[in-house]
Amino acid sequence: MLMEVVLLKDVKDIGHAGQIKIVADGFARNFLLPQRLATPATAKVKAVLSQQLHQQEQKKDGQAQRQKKFFKKVPNKILVFTAKANDKGKLFAAVSKEDILKNLSSGGEFARHRSAGAGFALTEKNIILEQPLKQIGQYHVKIRINDQEASLVVVIKPQSDGKK
């Protein structure tokens, strides 16, 4: 006999959480159900699953729209840093991904993209930087989220110490 179940967790060689699968009755009763890896696929469970999938699709669509909006604004963004440097333009403290993220996050419309309320979180992993920036100058830094990528400009200026 066969039984229709909804997987609650990923099960190797069977499927992923949220999928409806038809499995052997004994396998379901003796393994999947007692280990809480699945639940019988009743009409009520299927309706709840359908509703959850619909909500997930809406959430993904909203997130994709917010990301698209974000990536339209990024190429026009210029981040300016002032830092202490020696006479040759070498910085005493490098500008890192964390510094770029803090500056980007404090910049008005970009700040909300750091929070969970934006639908996606901008983290240091999204900033593509070979190594921390250690020289005065202008740099193009890439930001990548999923399959979207944009470049913004980071300008590092020397800090004036007020001495003459």
C-alpha atoms as a PDB file:
ATOM      1  CA  MET A   1       0.000   0.000   0.000  1.00  0.00           C
ATOM      2  CA  LEU A   2       1.056   3.555  -0.588  1.00  0.00           C
ATOM      3  CA  MET A   3       0.611   6.675   1.514  1.00  0.00           C
ATOM      4  CA  GLU A   4       0.716  10.330   0.512  1.00  0.00           C
ATOM      5  CA  VAL A   5       2.780  12.443   2.915  1.00  0.00           C
ATOM      6  CA  VAL A   6       4.001  16.029   3.198  1.00  0.00           C
ATOM      7  CA  LEU A   7       7.666  16.198   4.086  1.00  0.00           C
ATOM      8  CA  LEU A   8       8.385  18.409   7.099  1.00  0.00           C
ATOM      9  CA  LYS A   9      12.171  18.181   6.674  1.00  0.00           C
ATOM     10  CA  ASP A  10      14.521  17.239   3.846  1.00  0.00           C
ATOM     11  CA  VAL A  11      14.784  13.445   3.559  1.00  0.00           C
ATOM     12  CA  LYS A  12      17.672  11.983   1.586  1.00  0.00           C
ATOM     13  CA  ASP A  13      16.578  10.240  -1.629  1.00  0.00           C
ATOM     14  CA  ILE A  14      12.932  11.175  -0.973  1.00  0.00           C
ATOM     15  CA  GLY A  15      12.562  14.949  -1.288  1.00  0.00           C
ATOM     16  CA  HIS A  16      12.711  18.366   0.315  1.00  0.00           C
ATOM     17  CA  ALA A  17      10.641  19.941   3.070  1.00  0.00           C
ATOM     18  CA  GLY A  18       7.210  21.043   1.840  1.00  0.00           C
ATOM     19  CA  GLN A  19       6.976  18.513  -0.967  1.00  0.00           C
ATOM     20  CA  ILE A  20       4.112  16.039  -1.252  1.00  0.00           C
ATOM     21  CA  LYS A  21       5.390  12.519  -1.887  1.00  0.00           C
ATOM     22  CA  ILE A  22       3.856   9.081  -2.247  1.00  0.00           C
ATOM     23  CA  VAL A  23       5.779   6.518  -0.197  1.00  0.00           C
ATOM     24  CA  ALA A  24       5.280   2.985   1.022  1.00  0.00           C
ATOM     25  CA  ASP A  25       2.789   2.770   3.877  1.00  0.00           C
ATOM     26  CA  GLY A  26       5.243   0.953   6.177  1.00  0.00           C
ATOM     27  CA  PHE A  27       8.048   3.434   5.439  1.00  0.00           C
ATOM     28  CA  ALA A  28       5.734   6.301   6.369  1.00  0.00           C
ATOM     29  CA  ARG A  29       4.332   4.677   9.546  1.00  0.00           C
ATOM     30  CA  ASN A  30       7.610   3.184  10.801  1.00  0.00           C
ATOM     31  CA  PHE A  31      10.132   5.857   9.838  1.00  0.00           C
ATOM     32  CA  LEU A  32       8.836   9.194   8.508  1.00  0.00           C
ATOM     33  CA  LEU A  33       5.948   9.796  10.905  1.00  0.00           C
ATOM     34  CA  PRO A  34       7.621   8.716  14.198  1.00  0.00           C
ATOM     35  CA  GLN A  35      10.717  10.794  13.409  1.00  0.00           C
ATOM     36  CA  ARG A  36       8.499  13.761  12.515  1.00  0.00           C
ATOM     37  CA  LEU A  37      10.009  13.950   9.062  1.00  0.00           C
ATOM     38  CA  ALA A  38       6.569  13.912   7.427  1.00  0.00           C
ATOM     39  CA  THR A  39       2.873  14.158   8.119  1.00  0.00           C
ATOM     40  CA  PRO A  40      -0.036  12.495   6.311  1.00  0.00           C
ATOM     41  CA  ALA A  41      -1.199  14.590   3.361  1.00  0.00           C
ATOM     42  CA  THR A  42      -4.800  15.338   4.329  1.00  0.00           C
ATOM     43  CA  ALA A  43      -6.929  17.925   2.533  1.00  0.00           C
ATOM     44  CA  LYS A  44      -6.386  20.380   5.394  1.00  0.00           C
ATOM     45  CA  VAL A  45      -2.590  19.933   5.335  1.00  0.00           C
ATOM     46  CA  LYS A  46      -2.549  20.358   1.538  1.00  0.00           C
ATOM     47  CA  ALA A  47      -4.564  23.590   1.826  1.00  0.00           C
ATOM     48  CA  VAL A  48      -2.173  24.989   4.455  1.00  0.00           C
ATOM     49  CA  LEU A  49       0.823  23.963   2.321  1.00  0.00           C
ATOM     50  CA  SER A  50      -0.684  25.612  -0.746  1.00  0.00           C
ATOM     51  CA  GLN A  51      -1.280  28.817   1.220  1.00  0.00           C
ATOM     52  CA  GLN A  52       2.309  28.799   2.542  1.00  0.00           C
ATOM     53  CA  LEU A  53       3.719  28.286  -0.959  1.00  0.00           C
ATOM     54  CA  HIS A  54       1.608  31.182  -2.237  1.00  0.00           C
ATOM     55  CA  GLN A  55       2.883  33.439   0.568  1.00  0.00           C
ATOM     56  CA  GLN A  56       6.485  32.416  -0.156  1.00  0.00           C
ATOM     57  CA  GLU A  57       6.019  33.279  -3.846  1.00  0.00           C
ATOM     58  CA  GLN A  58       4.623  36.708  -2.944  1.00  0.00           C
ATOM     59  CA  LYS A  59       7.528  37.296  -0.558  1.00  0.00           C
ATOM     60  CA  LYS A  60      10.057  36.313  -3.263  1.00  0.00           C
ATOM     61  CA  ASP A  61       8.372  38.625  -5.796  1.00  0.00           C
ATOM     62  CA  GLY A  62       8.445  41.532  -3.338  1.00  0.00           C
ATOM     63  CA  GLN A  63      12.066  40.833  -2.492  1.00  0.00           C
ATOM     64  CA  ALA A  64      13.010  40.714  -6.182  1.00  0.00           C
ATOM     65  CA  GLN A  65      11.305  44.072  -6.782  1.00  0.00           C
ATOM     66  CA  ARG A  66      13.103  45.665  -3.821  1.00  0.00           C
ATOM     67  CA  GLN A  67      16.438  44.281  -5.020  1.00  0.00           C
ATOM     68  CA  LYS A  68      15.793  45.618  -8.509  1.00  0.00           C
ATOM     69  CA  LYS A  69      14.986  49.062  -7.086  1.00  0.00           C
ATOM     70  CA  PHE A  70      18.102  48.930  -4.909  1.00  0.00           C
ATOM     71  CA  PHE A  71      20.352  48.001  -7.835  1.00  0.00           C
ATOM     72  CA  LYS A  72      19.011  50.879  -9.912  1.00  0.00           C
ATOM     73  CA  LYS A  73      20.238  53.323  -7.240  1.00  0.00           C
ATOM     74  CA  VAL A  74      23.639  51.747  -6.520  1.00  0.00           C
ATOM     75  CA  PRO A  75      25.527  52.839  -9.708  1.00  0.00           C
ATOM     76  CA  ASN A  76      24.768  56.505  -8.914  1.00  0.00           C
ATOM     77  CA  LYS A  77      26.057  56.180  -5.355  1.00  0.00           C
ATOM     78  CA  ILE A  78      29.415  57.659  -4.356  1.00  0.00           C
ATOM     79  CA  LEU A  79      30.745  56.857  -0.892  1.00  0.00           C
ATOM     80  CA  VAL A  80      33.301  59.302   0.462  1.00  0.00           C
ATOM     81  CA  PHE A  81      35.702  58.385   3.252  1.00  0.00           C
ATOM     82  CA  THR A  82      38.219  60.638   4.953  1.00  0.00           C
ATOM     83  CA  ALA A  83      41.126  58.856   6.563  1.00  0.00           C
ATOM     84  CA  LYS A  84      44.528  59.599   8.004  1.00  0.00           C
ATOM     85  CA  ALA A  85      47.313  58.890   5.538  1.00  0.00           C
ATOM     86  CA  ASN A  86      51.062  59.388   5.200  1.00  0.00           C
ATOM     87  CA  ASP A  87      52.737  61.679   2.655  1.00  0.00           C
ATOM     88  CA  LYS A  88      52.670  58.962  -0.002  1.00  0.00           C
ATOM     89  CA  GLY A  89      48.909  58.466   0.307  1.00  0.00           C
ATOM     90  CA  LYS A  90      49.010  55.191   2.202  1.00  0.00           C
ATOM     91  CA  LEU A  91      46.267  54.949   4.822  1.00  0.00           C
ATOM     92  CA  PHE A  92      47.081  54.277   8.473  1.00  0.00           C
ATOM     93  CA  ALA A  93      43.851  52.257   8.750  1.00  0.00           C
ATOM     94  CA  ALA A  94      42.474  50.492   5.675  1.00  0.00           C
ATOM     95  CA  VAL A  95      38.877  50.908   4.481  1.00  0.00           C
ATOM     96  CA  SER A  96      37.260  47.473   4.753  1.00  0.00           C
ATOM     97  CA  LYS A  97      34.008  45.851   3.643  1.00  0.00           C
ATOM     98  CA  GLU A  98      32.613  46.609   7.082  1.00  0.00           C
ATOM     99  CA  ASP A  99      33.392  50.324   6.693  1.00  0.00           C
ATOM    100  CA  ILE A 100      31.756  50.402   3.258  1.00  0.00           C
ATOM    101  CA  LEU A 101      28.695  48.611   4.617  1.00  0.00           C
ATOM    102  CA  LYS A 102      28.393  51.045   7.547  1.00  0.00           C
ATOM    103  CA  ASN A 103      28.704  54.043   5.230  1.00  0.00           C
ATOM    104  CA  LEU A 104      26.216  52.568   2.763  1.00  0.00           C
ATOM    105  CA  SER A 105      23.788  51.646   5.538  1.00  0.00           C
ATOM    106  CA  SER A 106      23.873  55.115   7.066  1.00  0.00           C
ATOM    107  CA  GLY A 107      23.005  56.715   3.727  1.00  0.00           C
ATOM    108  CA  GLY A 108      19.246  57.318   3.850  1.00  0.00           C
ATOM    109  CA  GLU A 109      17.442  55.128   1.315  1.00  0.00           C
ATOM    110  CA  PHE A 110      20.180  52.493   1.501  1.00  0.00           C
ATOM    111  CA  ALA A 111      19.874  52.126   5.269  1.00  0.00           C
ATOM    112  CA  ARG A 112      16.603  50.218   5.115  1.00  0.00           C
ATOM    113  CA  HIS A 113      18.136  47.553   2.843  1.00  0.00           C
ATOM    114  CA  ARG A 114      20.308  46.424   5.730  1.00  0.00           C
ATOM    115  CA  SER A 115      17.256  45.564   7.839  1.00  0.00           C
ATOM    116  CA  ALA A 116      15.109  42.477   7.549  1.00  0.00           C
ATOM    117  CA  GLY A 117      12.122  44.702   6.737  1.00  0.00           C
ATOM    118  CA  ALA A 118      13.564  45.307   3.287  1.00  0.00           C
ATOM    119  CA  GLY A 119      13.136  41.638   2.388  1.00  0.00           C
ATOM    120  CA  PHE A 120      16.847  41.089   1.962  1.00  0.00           C
ATOM    121  CA  ALA A 121      19.813  41.848   4.130  1.00  0.00           C
ATOM    122  CA  LEU A 122      22.871  43.576   2.762  1.00  0.00           C
ATOM    123  CA  THR A 123      25.932  42.054   4.435  1.00  0.00           C
ATOM    124  CA  GLU A 124      29.704  42.146   4.065  1.00  0.00           C
ATOM    125  CA  LYS A 125      29.463  38.994   1.930  1.00  0.00           C
ATOM    126  CA  ASN A 126      27.588  41.010  -0.702  1.00  0.00           C
ATOM    127  CA  ILE A 127      30.454  43.494  -1.088  1.00  0.00           C
ATOM    128  CA  ILE A 128      33.073  42.249  -3.535  1.00  0.00           C
ATOM    129  CA  LEU A 129      36.440  43.624  -2.485  1.00  0.00           C
ATOM    130  CA  GLU A 130      39.688  41.789  -3.223  1.00  0.00           C
ATOM    131  CA  GLN A 131      41.413  43.339  -0.208  1.00  0.00           C
ATOM    132  CA  PRO A 132      40.861  46.318   2.080  1.00  0.00           C
ATOM    133  CA  LEU A 133      41.524  49.683   0.432  1.00  0.00           C
ATOM    134  CA  LYS A 134      44.843  51.074   1.706  1.00  0.00           C
ATOM    135  CA  GLN A 135      45.541  54.052  -0.581  1.00  0.00           C
ATOM    136  CA  ILE A 136      44.012  57.484  -1.143  1.00  0.00           C
ATOM    137  CA  GLY A 137      42.018  57.456  -4.377  1.00  0.00           C
ATOM    138  CA  GLN A 138      38.885  56.392  -6.175  1.00  0.00           C
ATOM    139  CA  TYR A 139      37.772  52.756  -6.376  1.00  0.00           C
ATOM    140  CA  HIS A 140      34.924  50.849  -8.008  1.00  0.00           C
ATOM    141  CA  VAL A 141      33.437  48.348  -5.588  1.00  0.00           C
ATOM    142  CA  LYS A 142      30.939  45.696  -6.674  1.00  0.00           C
ATOM    143  CA  ILE A 143      27.874  44.674  -4.718  1.00  0.00           C
ATOM    144  CA  ARG A 144      26.346  41.292  -5.535  1.00  0.00           C
ATOM    145  CA  ILE A 145      23.090  39.848  -4.250  1.00  0.00           C
ATOM    146  CA  ASN A 146      22.032  36.530  -5.771  1.00  0.00           C
ATOM    147  CA  ASP A 147      22.471  36.971  -9.530  1.00  0.00           C
ATOM    148  CA  GLN A 148      22.371  40.783  -9.581  1.00  0.00           C
ATOM    149  CA  GLU A 149      25.508  42.880  -9.491  1.00  0.00           C
ATOM    150  CA  ALA A 150      26.227  46.622  -9.493  1.00  0.00           C
ATOM    151  CA  SER A 151      29.247  48.812  -8.971  1.00  0.00           C
ATOM    152  CA  LEU A 152      29.508  51.880  -6.777  1.00  0.00           C
ATOM    153  CA  VAL A 153      32.290  54.415  -6.379  1.00  0.00           C
ATOM    154  CA  VAL A 154      34.310  54.690  -3.175  1.00  0.00           C
ATOM    155  CA  VAL A 155      36.427  57.830  -2.814  1.00  0.00           C
ATOM    156  CA  ILE A 156      39.066  58.012  -0.083  1.00  0.00           C
ATOM    157  CA  LYS A 157      40.347  61.480   0.752  1.00  0.00           C
ATOM    158  CA  PRO A 158      43.158  62.406   3.139  1.00  0.00           C
ATOM    159  CA  GLN A 159      42.067  63.769   6.481  1.00  0.00           C
ATOM    160  CA  SER A 160      43.351  67.268   7.111  1.00  0.00           C
ATOM    161  CA  ASP A 161      44.904  67.512  10.557  1.00  0.00           C
ATOM    162  CA  GLY A 162      44.729  71.312  10.747  1.00  0.00           C
ATOM    163  CA  LYS A 163      48.537  71.731  11.208  1.00  0.00           C
ATOM    164  CA  LYS A 164      50.538  74.273   9.196  1.00  0.00           C
END
